């Protein structure tokens, strides 16, 4: 059986494991990712990959891979193996990370955007088994989508198609995104954006339970939704704004792509009530394609902890 070393680089962790063609994963290891500067972020990835190679591959604790596949946050030139940019990590100057790692390890190294990787995993092992035209929406630290038509990932000219987090839902909002626009979904409706937005309003809502949760390091998208259901004013305001944004975003994606399925993933959907609430809110709206929205919108069937790793392995040519 042929094995690939998959590397899933996230905002807080780097997950590495051996992945077989049939999706079997063995010898997973978790390492800390770092932000700070470009040099620090890249060094963390290089150190994690070489440490895994030394600890697992050289000691023959797992099968020797024929190649390495990586999923990276931000824009990636998957043809040249260059990490082009990332607002979250941050990557400011394009970096040939695949060449560097290939030189160190002695095997070919490939890379793609992390959400594209997850979408490729869906094509091979998830939603793609049900439909050739689907959209994978990921709402976690950021917001992005993988767009699939006729069984193929739509990449765009710069491999950045699907950046729905930079759809502006309200140009009049006093929230400036790093992309230069106001009111972008990602800035206040992603997992990270919700926390930033909540903290910006603490002075106005000093008695909110969210202030206490933040001091206890328990503030999360799930705790915001839960507190909203318990009638906390600040949580209610944020949850209502975010919810209406999600509904509008789903409507726009449906109108744009006419998907047979919308499959969702990402940490925000750990709140089990959120997706059913979105679907319920969409029931009164009839898209042009006359889809039954209850049937086409669903949670990913893939393990959320492993979908990135599985998809990273599929970057290998």
Protein backbone atom coordinates (compact mmCIF):
# COMPACT_ATOMS: atom_id res chain seq x y z
CA UNK A 1 0.00 0.00 0.00
CA UNK A 2 1.30 3.48 -0.94
CA UNK A 3 1.54 6.00 1.89
CA UNK A 4 1.72 9.80 1.97
CA UNK A 5 2.86 11.94 4.88
CA UNK A 6 0.07 14.46 5.47
CA UNK A 7 0.70 17.78 7.21
CA UNK A 8 -2.28 19.87 8.32
CA UNK A 9 -1.11 23.34 9.40
CA UNK A 10 -3.74 25.18 11.45
CA UNK A 11 -3.82 28.36 13.47
CA UNK A 12 -2.91 26.65 16.75
CA UNK A 13 -1.66 23.18 15.81
CA UNK A 14 0.19 21.20 13.18
CA UNK A 15 -1.15 17.67 12.74
CA UNK A 16 1.04 15.16 10.92
CA UNK A 17 0.33 11.55 10.05
CA UNK A 18 0.75 8.80 7.49
CA UNK A 19 -2.20 8.46 5.12
CA UNK A 20 -2.92 5.54 2.80
CA UNK A 21 -4.77 5.78 -0.51
CA UNK A 22 -7.89 4.34 1.09
CA UNK A 23 -7.91 7.06 3.78
CA UNK A 24 -6.35 5.00 6.56
CA UNK A 25 -4.34 7.23 8.94
CA UNK A 26 -1.62 5.99 11.29
CA UNK A 27 1.02 7.52 13.60
CA UNK A 28 -0.60 10.91 14.10
CA UNK A 29 1.45 13.49 15.96
CA UNK A 30 0.44 16.97 17.05
CA UNK A 31 2.82 19.94 17.17
CA UNK A 32 2.36 23.59 18.08
CA UNK A 33 2.01 26.11 15.28
CA UNK A 34 3.20 29.67 15.82
CA UNK A 35 2.29 33.06 14.41
CA UNK A 36 4.23 36.19 15.39
CA UNK A 37 6.26 36.75 12.24
CA UNK A 38 6.64 34.95 8.94
CA UNK A 39 9.99 33.55 10.02
CA UNK A 40 8.53 32.15 13.25
CA UNK A 41 5.52 30.61 11.48
CA UNK A 42 7.59 28.92 8.79
CA UNK A 43 10.18 27.71 11.29
CA UNK A 44 7.42 26.03 13.32
CA UNK A 45 6.24 24.11 10.25
CA UNK A 46 9.76 23.08 9.22
CA UNK A 47 10.63 22.00 12.76
CA UNK A 48 7.44 19.96 13.12
CA UNK A 49 7.88 18.19 9.78
CA UNK A 50 11.55 17.36 10.35
CA UNK A 51 10.85 16.23 13.93
CA UNK A 52 8.14 13.86 12.70
CA UNK A 53 10.45 12.57 9.96
CA UNK A 54 13.19 11.88 12.47
CA UNK A 55 10.89 10.40 15.15
CA UNK A 56 8.58 8.33 12.95
CA UNK A 57 9.97 7.77 9.45
CA UNK A 58 13.64 7.23 10.21
CA UNK A 59 12.81 4.92 13.12
CA UNK A 60 10.38 2.97 10.89
CA UNK A 61 7.46 3.43 13.28
CA UNK A 62 5.32 3.91 10.17
CA UNK A 63 5.63 3.07 6.45
CA UNK A 64 8.06 5.25 4.49
CA UNK A 65 6.05 7.81 2.47
CA UNK A 66 6.61 8.33 -1.23
CA UNK A 67 5.77 12.05 -0.84
CA UNK A 68 4.56 14.73 1.58
CA UNK A 69 1.33 16.71 1.17
CA UNK A 70 0.58 19.88 3.16
CA UNK A 71 -2.49 22.00 3.85
CA UNK A 72 -1.61 25.64 4.59
CA UNK A 73 -3.67 28.63 5.69
CA UNK A 74 -4.01 31.40 3.12
CA UNK A 75 -3.04 31.60 -0.55
CA UNK A 76 -0.88 28.79 -1.91
CA UNK A 77 0.58 28.36 -5.39
CA UNK A 78 -0.02 24.62 -5.51
CA UNK A 79 1.76 24.20 -8.84
CA UNK A 80 5.04 25.73 -7.62
CA UNK A 81 4.75 24.74 -3.97
CA UNK A 82 4.92 28.34 -2.74
CA UNK A 83 3.17 29.67 0.36
CA UNK A 84 2.12 32.99 -1.19
CA UNK A 85 0.39 34.86 1.64
CA UNK A 86 -1.72 34.54 4.75
CA UNK A 87 -3.35 37.27 6.80
CA UNK A 88 -3.76 35.00 9.81
CA UNK A 89 -0.34 33.33 10.10
CA UNK A 90 1.14 35.81 8.80
CA UNK A 91 2.92 35.13 5.52
CA UNK A 92 3.84 38.41 3.85
CA UNK A 93 6.43 37.36 1.29
CA UNK A 94 5.97 34.28 -0.95
CA UNK A 95 8.02 31.38 0.40
CA UNK A 96 9.07 28.17 -1.43
CA UNK A 97 8.27 25.90 1.49
CA UNK A 98 7.91 22.75 -0.62
CA UNK A 99 11.41 23.11 -2.09
CA UNK A 100 12.91 23.63 1.35
CA UNK A 101 11.24 20.57 2.86
CA UNK A 102 11.90 18.42 -0.18
CA UNK A 103 15.58 19.28 0.09
CA UNK A 104 15.61 18.28 3.75
CA UNK A 105 13.60 15.06 3.42
CA UNK A 106 14.62 13.78 0.01
CA UNK A 107 11.06 13.18 -1.23
CA UNK A 108 8.65 15.35 -3.27
CA UNK A 109 6.58 17.83 -1.22
CA UNK A 110 3.26 19.36 -2.33
CA UNK A 111 0.99 21.97 -0.76
CA UNK A 112 -2.43 23.58 -1.14
CA UNK A 113 -4.79 25.84 0.78
CA UNK A 114 -6.23 24.12 3.88
CA UNK A 115 -9.90 24.51 2.90
CA UNK A 116 -9.12 23.27 -0.61
CA UNK A 117 -7.52 20.26 1.04
CA UNK A 118 -10.61 19.59 3.14
CA UNK A 119 -12.72 19.93 -0.01
CA UNK A 120 -10.55 17.37 -1.80
CA UNK A 121 -11.16 15.03 1.14
CA UNK A 122 -14.88 15.60 0.66
CA UNK A 123 -14.58 14.84 -3.07
CA UNK A 124 -12.84 11.56 -2.38
CA UNK A 125 -14.46 10.35 0.82
CA UNK A 126 -17.48 12.54 1.71
CA UNK A 127 -19.96 14.71 -0.19
CA UNK A 128 -18.34 13.79 -3.50
CA UNK A 129 -19.68 10.26 -3.14
CA UNK A 130 -23.21 11.72 -3.28
CA UNK A 131 -22.91 14.60 -5.76
CA UNK A 132 -20.59 16.11 -8.37
CA UNK A 133 -21.73 19.66 -7.66
CA UNK A 134 -21.37 20.74 -4.07
CA UNK A 135 -19.98 23.44 -1.78
CA UNK A 136 -17.96 22.81 1.35
CA UNK A 137 -18.30 25.69 3.83
CA UNK A 138 -15.80 25.88 6.68
CA UNK A 139 -16.43 28.27 9.57
CA UNK A 140 -13.70 28.09 12.16
CA UNK A 141 -10.94 30.56 12.93
CA UNK A 142 -11.78 32.00 9.50
CA UNK A 143 -14.52 31.54 6.89
CA UNK A 144 -13.95 29.99 3.47
CA UNK A 145 -15.49 27.56 1.01
CA UNK A 146 -14.47 24.87 -1.44
CA UNK A 147 -16.47 25.09 -4.67
CA UNK A 148 -16.93 21.87 -6.64
CA UNK A 149 -18.44 21.61 -10.13
CA UNK A 150 -18.62 18.38 -12.14
CA UNK A 151 -16.48 16.72 -9.50
CA UNK A 152 -13.64 19.23 -9.81
CA UNK A 153 -12.46 21.88 -7.39
CA UNK A 154 -12.87 25.41 -8.77
CA UNK A 155 -9.58 27.17 -8.01
CA UNK A 156 -9.69 30.49 -9.85
CA UNK A 157 -6.70 32.15 -11.52
CA UNK A 158 -4.78 32.58 -8.26
CA UNK A 159 -6.06 29.48 -6.43
CA UNK A 160 -8.13 31.64 -4.07
CA UNK A 161 -11.66 30.92 -5.31
CA UNK A 162 -14.06 30.33 -2.42
CA UNK A 163 -12.98 33.16 -0.09
CA UNK A 164 -16.55 33.77 1.04
CA UNK A 165 -15.24 35.14 4.34
CA UNK A 166 -14.50 38.34 2.43
CA UNK A 167 -18.05 38.77 1.19
CA UNK A 168 -19.20 42.08 2.66
CA UNK A 169 -22.63 41.78 4.22
CA UNK A 170 -22.76 45.38 5.41
CA UNK A 171 -20.51 48.03 3.89
CA UNK A 172 -21.67 50.52 6.53
CA UNK A 173 -20.40 48.49 9.50
CA UNK A 174 -17.64 50.06 11.54
CA UNK A 175 -15.50 46.92 11.22
CA UNK A 176 -12.56 47.14 8.82
CA UNK A 177 -11.23 43.86 7.47
CA UNK A 178 -7.56 43.24 6.72
CA UNK A 179 -8.56 42.89 3.07
CA UNK A 180 -9.52 46.59 3.02
CA UNK A 181 -13.31 46.28 3.02
CA UNK A 182 -15.85 46.90 5.76
CA UNK A 183 -18.34 44.38 7.04
CA UNK A 184 -16.63 41.20 5.82
CA UNK A 185 -18.16 38.00 7.18
CA UNK A 186 -14.86 36.71 8.57
CA UNK A 187 -14.17 39.78 10.70
CA UNK A 188 -17.14 39.28 13.03
CA UNK A 189 -18.83 35.98 12.12
CA UNK A 190 -15.89 33.56 12.10
CA UNK A 191 -14.96 31.82 15.34
CA UNK A 192 -12.04 34.19 15.87
CA UNK A 193 -14.00 37.20 14.64
CA UNK A 194 -16.82 36.60 17.11
CA UNK A 195 -14.37 36.65 20.01
CA UNK A 196 -12.69 39.84 18.79
CA UNK A 197 -16.03 41.54 18.26
CA UNK A 198 -17.31 40.50 21.69
CA UNK A 199 -14.20 41.84 23.41
CA UNK A 200 -14.55 45.16 21.57
CA UNK A 201 -17.98 45.58 23.20
CA UNK A 202 -17.07 44.59 26.79
CA UNK A 203 -16.85 48.22 27.89
CA UNK A 204 -20.41 48.79 26.68
CA UNK A 205 -21.66 45.55 28.30
CA UNK A 206 -19.57 45.24 31.51
CA UNK A 207 -22.10 42.93 33.20
CA UNK A 208 -22.27 40.44 30.34
CA UNK A 209 -21.48 36.83 31.21
CA UNK A 210 -19.09 36.90 28.25
CA UNK A 211 -16.75 39.16 30.24
CA UNK A 212 -16.57 36.54 32.98
CA UNK A 213 -16.11 33.71 30.47
CA UNK A 214 -13.25 35.59 28.81
CA UNK A 215 -11.44 36.06 32.15
CA UNK A 216 -11.82 32.32 32.75
CA UNK A 217 -10.49 31.54 29.24
CA UNK A 218 -13.85 29.96 28.36
CA UNK A 219 -15.02 32.41 25.71
CA UNK A 220 -15.78 30.63 22.42
CA UNK A 221 -18.29 30.75 19.61
CA UNK A 222 -20.24 27.95 21.32
CA UNK A 223 -20.33 29.79 24.66
CA UNK A 224 -21.56 32.93 22.89
CA UNK A 225 -24.45 31.05 21.24
CA UNK A 226 -25.22 29.25 24.51
CA UNK A 227 -25.23 32.52 26.48
CA UNK A 228 -27.49 34.09 23.87
CA UNK A 229 -30.03 31.31 24.41
CA UNK A 230 -29.88 32.19 28.12
CA UNK A 231 -30.76 35.83 27.31
CA UNK A 232 -27.39 37.52 27.89
CA UNK A 233 -27.77 40.90 26.09
CA UNK A 234 -24.30 41.07 24.52
CA UNK A 235 -24.30 37.42 23.49
CA UNK A 236 -27.79 37.86 22.09
CA UNK A 237 -26.74 40.86 20.02
CA UNK A 238 -23.69 39.07 18.57
CA UNK A 239 -25.49 35.77 17.99
CA UNK A 240 -28.36 37.49 16.17
CA UNK A 241 -25.97 39.46 13.94
CA UNK A 242 -23.88 36.38 13.18
CA UNK A 243 -26.91 34.19 12.57
CA UNK A 244 -28.45 36.62 10.09
CA UNK A 245 -25.08 36.85 8.36
CA UNK A 246 -24.86 33.06 8.01
CA UNK A 247 -28.36 32.86 6.54
CA UNK A 248 -27.54 35.56 3.97
CA UNK A 249 -24.21 33.90 3.16
CA UNK A 250 -25.87 30.52 2.55
CA UNK A 251 -28.43 32.19 0.29
CA UNK A 252 -25.69 33.88 -1.73
CA UNK A 253 -23.71 30.65 -2.07
CA UNK A 254 -26.81 28.76 -3.23
CA UNK A 255 -27.64 31.43 -5.81
CA UNK A 256 -24.04 31.56 -7.03
CA UNK A 257 -23.25 27.84 -7.26
CA UNK A 258 -26.60 25.98 -7.51
CA UNK A 259 -25.16 23.09 -5.47
CA UNK A 260 -26.73 19.67 -5.05
CA UNK A 261 -25.27 19.60 -1.53
CA UNK A 262 -23.83 22.12 0.91
CA UNK A 263 -21.65 20.35 3.45
CA UNK A 264 -20.39 22.31 6.43
CA UNK A 265 -17.47 21.90 8.79
CA UNK A 266 -15.27 23.88 11.16
CA UNK A 267 -15.24 24.55 14.88
CA UNK A 268 -18.21 26.93 14.93
CA UNK A 269 -20.52 24.05 14.01
CA UNK A 270 -19.63 22.24 17.21
CA UNK A 271 -22.73 24.07 18.42
CA UNK A 272 -25.24 21.34 17.50
CA UNK A 273 -28.23 23.69 17.37
CA UNK A 274 -26.69 26.17 14.93
CA UNK A 275 -27.09 24.37 11.61
CA UNK A 276 -30.69 23.26 12.25
CA UNK A 277 -31.51 26.88 13.15
CA UNK A 278 -29.95 28.12 9.89
CA UNK A 279 -31.88 25.54 7.86
CA UNK A 280 -35.12 26.49 9.62
CA UNK A 281 -34.55 30.17 8.85
CA UNK A 282 -34.02 29.32 5.17
CA UNK A 283 -37.29 27.42 4.89
CA UNK A 284 -39.30 30.50 3.95
CA UNK A 285 -36.94 31.32 1.10
CA UNK A 286 -37.23 29.63 -2.26
CA UNK A 287 -34.02 29.55 -4.31
CA UNK A 288 -34.17 29.71 -8.10
CA UNK A 289 -33.17 26.06 -8.36
CA UNK A 290 -36.11 25.03 -6.16
CA UNK A 291 -33.88 22.85 -3.97
CA UNK A 292 -35.25 21.32 -0.81
CA UNK A 293 -32.88 23.08 1.58
CA UNK A 294 -33.59 20.67 4.43
CA UNK A 295 -32.13 17.87 2.34
CA UNK A 296 -29.15 19.56 0.71
CA UNK A 297 -27.53 21.28 3.73
CA UNK A 298 -25.75 18.92 6.12
CA UNK A 299 -22.79 18.51 8.43
CA UNK A 300 -19.70 16.84 7.00
CA UNK A 301 -19.62 13.10 7.60
CA UNK A 302 -15.82 13.20 7.86
CA UNK A 303 -13.98 13.34 11.19
CA UNK A 304 -13.40 17.08 11.81
CA UNK A 305 -10.11 16.31 13.55
CA UNK A 306 -8.75 14.40 10.54
CA UNK A 307 -10.34 15.93 7.44
CA UNK A 308 -7.46 18.41 7.03
CA UNK A 309 -4.87 15.67 7.34
CA UNK A 310 -6.73 13.46 4.88
CA UNK A 311 -7.06 16.33 2.43
CA UNK A 312 -3.41 17.35 2.77
CA UNK A 313 -2.37 13.90 1.60
CA UNK A 314 -4.49 14.39 -1.53
CA UNK A 315 -2.35 17.31 -2.71
CA UNK A 316 0.23 14.76 -3.85
CA UNK A 317 0.23 14.48 -7.63
